[in-house]
Protein backbone atom coordinates (compact mmCIF):
# COMPACT_ATOMS: atom_id res chain seq x y z
CA UNK A 1 -1.74 18.39 51.90
CA UNK A 2 -2.54 16.65 48.36
CA UNK A 3 0.02 15.02 46.04
CA UNK A 4 -0.29 15.49 42.45
CA UNK A 5 0.95 12.79 40.18
CA UNK A 6 3.61 13.58 37.58
CA UNK A 7 2.68 12.72 34.00
CA UNK A 8 5.61 10.78 32.47
CA UNK A 9 7.21 12.62 29.50
CA UNK A 10 6.52 9.93 27.07
CA UNK A 11 2.67 10.05 27.65
CA UNK A 12 2.64 13.78 27.46
CA UNK A 13 4.83 13.94 24.10
CA UNK A 14 2.23 11.54 22.39
CA UNK A 15 -0.46 13.90 23.23
CA UNK A 16 1.31 16.85 21.83
CA UNK A 17 1.59 14.91 18.32
CA UNK A 18 -2.15 14.94 17.80
CA UNK A 19 -2.31 18.69 18.42
CA UNK A 20 0.18 19.62 15.76
CA UNK A 21 -0.01 18.12 12.18
CA UNK A 22 3.10 16.68 10.79
CA UNK A 23 4.65 18.87 8.17
CA UNK A 24 6.20 16.94 5.20
CA UNK A 25 8.80 18.64 3.43
CA UNK A 26 8.21 19.64 -0.29
CA UNK A 27 11.47 17.67 -1.10
CA UNK A 28 9.54 14.53 -0.11
CA UNK A 29 6.52 15.29 -2.33
CA UNK A 30 8.78 15.77 -5.26
CA UNK A 31 10.64 12.49 -4.88
CA UNK A 32 7.49 10.55 -4.32
CA UNK A 33 6.17 12.28 -7.30
CA UNK A 34 9.12 11.33 -9.39
CA UNK A 35 9.02 7.71 -7.94
CA UNK A 36 5.29 7.55 -9.19
CA UNK A 37 6.30 8.84 -12.68
CA UNK A 38 9.10 6.20 -12.78
CA UNK A 39 6.51 3.65 -11.85
CA UNK A 40 4.29 4.82 -14.73
CA UNK A 41 7.14 4.60 -17.24
CA UNK A 42 7.83 0.91 -15.87
CA UNK A 43 4.32 0.14 -16.22
CA UNK A 44 4.23 1.43 -19.87
CA UNK A 45 7.62 -0.32 -20.69
CA UNK A 46 6.20 -3.69 -19.00
CA UNK A 47 2.88 -3.56 -21.16
CA UNK A 48 5.31 -3.99 -24.26
CA UNK A 49 7.21 -7.05 -22.82
CA UNK A 50 5.82 -10.68 -23.15
CA UNK A 51 6.55 -12.53 -20.00
CA UNK A 52 5.46 -15.78 -21.56
CA UNK A 53 2.09 -16.42 -19.95
CA UNK A 54 -0.61 -13.80 -19.74
CA UNK A 55 -1.18 -14.18 -16.17
CA UNK A 56 2.61 -13.13 -15.53
CA UNK A 57 1.87 -9.87 -17.24
CA UNK A 58 -0.84 -9.41 -15.02
CA UNK A 59 1.07 -10.15 -11.87
CA UNK A 60 3.88 -7.69 -12.87
CA UNK A 61 1.48 -5.07 -13.74
CA UNK A 62 -0.40 -5.50 -10.20
CA UNK A 63 2.95 -5.53 -8.40
CA UNK A 64 3.63 -2.06 -9.78
CA UNK A 65 0.32 -0.79 -9.02
CA UNK A 66 0.57 -1.99 -5.52
CA UNK A 67 3.84 -0.23 -5.08
CA UNK A 68 2.44 3.03 -6.49
CA UNK A 69 -0.54 2.71 -4.43
CA UNK A 70 1.34 2.39 -1.50
CA UNK A 71 3.42 5.60 -1.96
CA UNK A 72 0.34 7.42 -2.54
CA UNK A 73 -1.39 5.93 0.82
CA UNK A 74 1.74 6.36 2.73
CA UNK A 75 2.86 9.86 1.65
CA UNK A 76 -0.15 11.83 0.09
CA UNK A 77 -2.65 10.44 2.59
CA UNK A 78 -0.15 10.80 5.34
CA UNK A 79 -0.64 7.30 6.94
CA UNK A 80 2.95 7.01 7.48
CA UNK A 81 2.59 9.96 9.97
CA UNK A 82 -0.60 8.81 11.34
CA UNK A 83 -1.52 6.87 14.53
CA UNK A 84 -0.91 3.23 14.91
CA UNK A 85 -4.65 2.56 14.75
CA UNK A 86 -4.75 4.12 11.39
CA UNK A 87 -1.82 2.30 10.22
CA UNK A 88 -3.42 -1.02 11.35
CA UNK A 89 -6.81 0.01 9.50
CA UNK A 90 -4.90 0.80 6.20
CA UNK A 91 -2.77 -2.43 6.61
CA UNK A 92 -5.83 -4.65 7.27
CA UNK A 93 -7.45 -3.31 4.03
CA UNK A 94 -4.37 -4.03 1.95
CA UNK A 95 -4.03 -7.50 3.36
CA UNK A 96 -7.77 -8.20 2.66
CA UNK A 97 -7.15 -7.09 -0.86
CA UNK A 98 -4.14 -9.41 -1.37
CA UNK A 99 -6.38 -12.15 0.10
CA UNK A 100 -8.97 -11.28 -2.51
CA UNK A 101 -6.44 -11.20 -5.36
CA UNK A 102 -5.04 -14.51 -4.31
CA UNK A 103 -8.36 -16.17 -4.69
CA UNK A 104 -9.26 -14.60 -7.86
CA UNK A 105 -5.77 -15.59 -9.40
CA UNK A 106 -6.20 -19.12 -7.78
CA UNK A 107 -9.54 -19.49 -9.69
CA UNK A 108 -8.42 -17.95 -12.82
CA UNK A 109 -5.06 -20.15 -13.04
CA UNK A 110 -7.10 -23.35 -12.39
CA UNK A 111 -10.03 -22.92 -14.97
CA UNK A 112 -8.80 -25.43 -17.59
CA UNK A 113 -7.70 -28.18 -15.18
CA UNK A 114 -11.10 -30.09 -15.23
CA UNK A 115 -11.62 -29.78 -18.92
CA UNK A 116 -15.20 -29.05 -20.60
CA UNK A 117 -17.98 -31.36 -19.55
CA UNK A 118 -19.54 -33.41 -22.42
CA UNK A 119 -16.35 -33.33 -24.48
């Protein structure tokens, strides 16, 4: 007589998640839309405020843009409900983008430290 191995419930359930897409309630989309509109209003308002240095204005604008982009990626692109591998790929992309912005700002902020040659 042959014995069959029982499939653990947690493994069986995880395979079923891929067969049926996650249905997001319309209320969630409306709340995300309202949050994006609020972020747009904050962006417009922040553009009229002088934060002292031009780079501070850029940092504030980028922080607002990153938060709005995160909402779009998480909810409209369904990354929040995707597999861990998809979340890792998206997170890695954002981390790489942050590293790139860090080096761009480091270069921009230190441009005048050495002065102009020949002056």
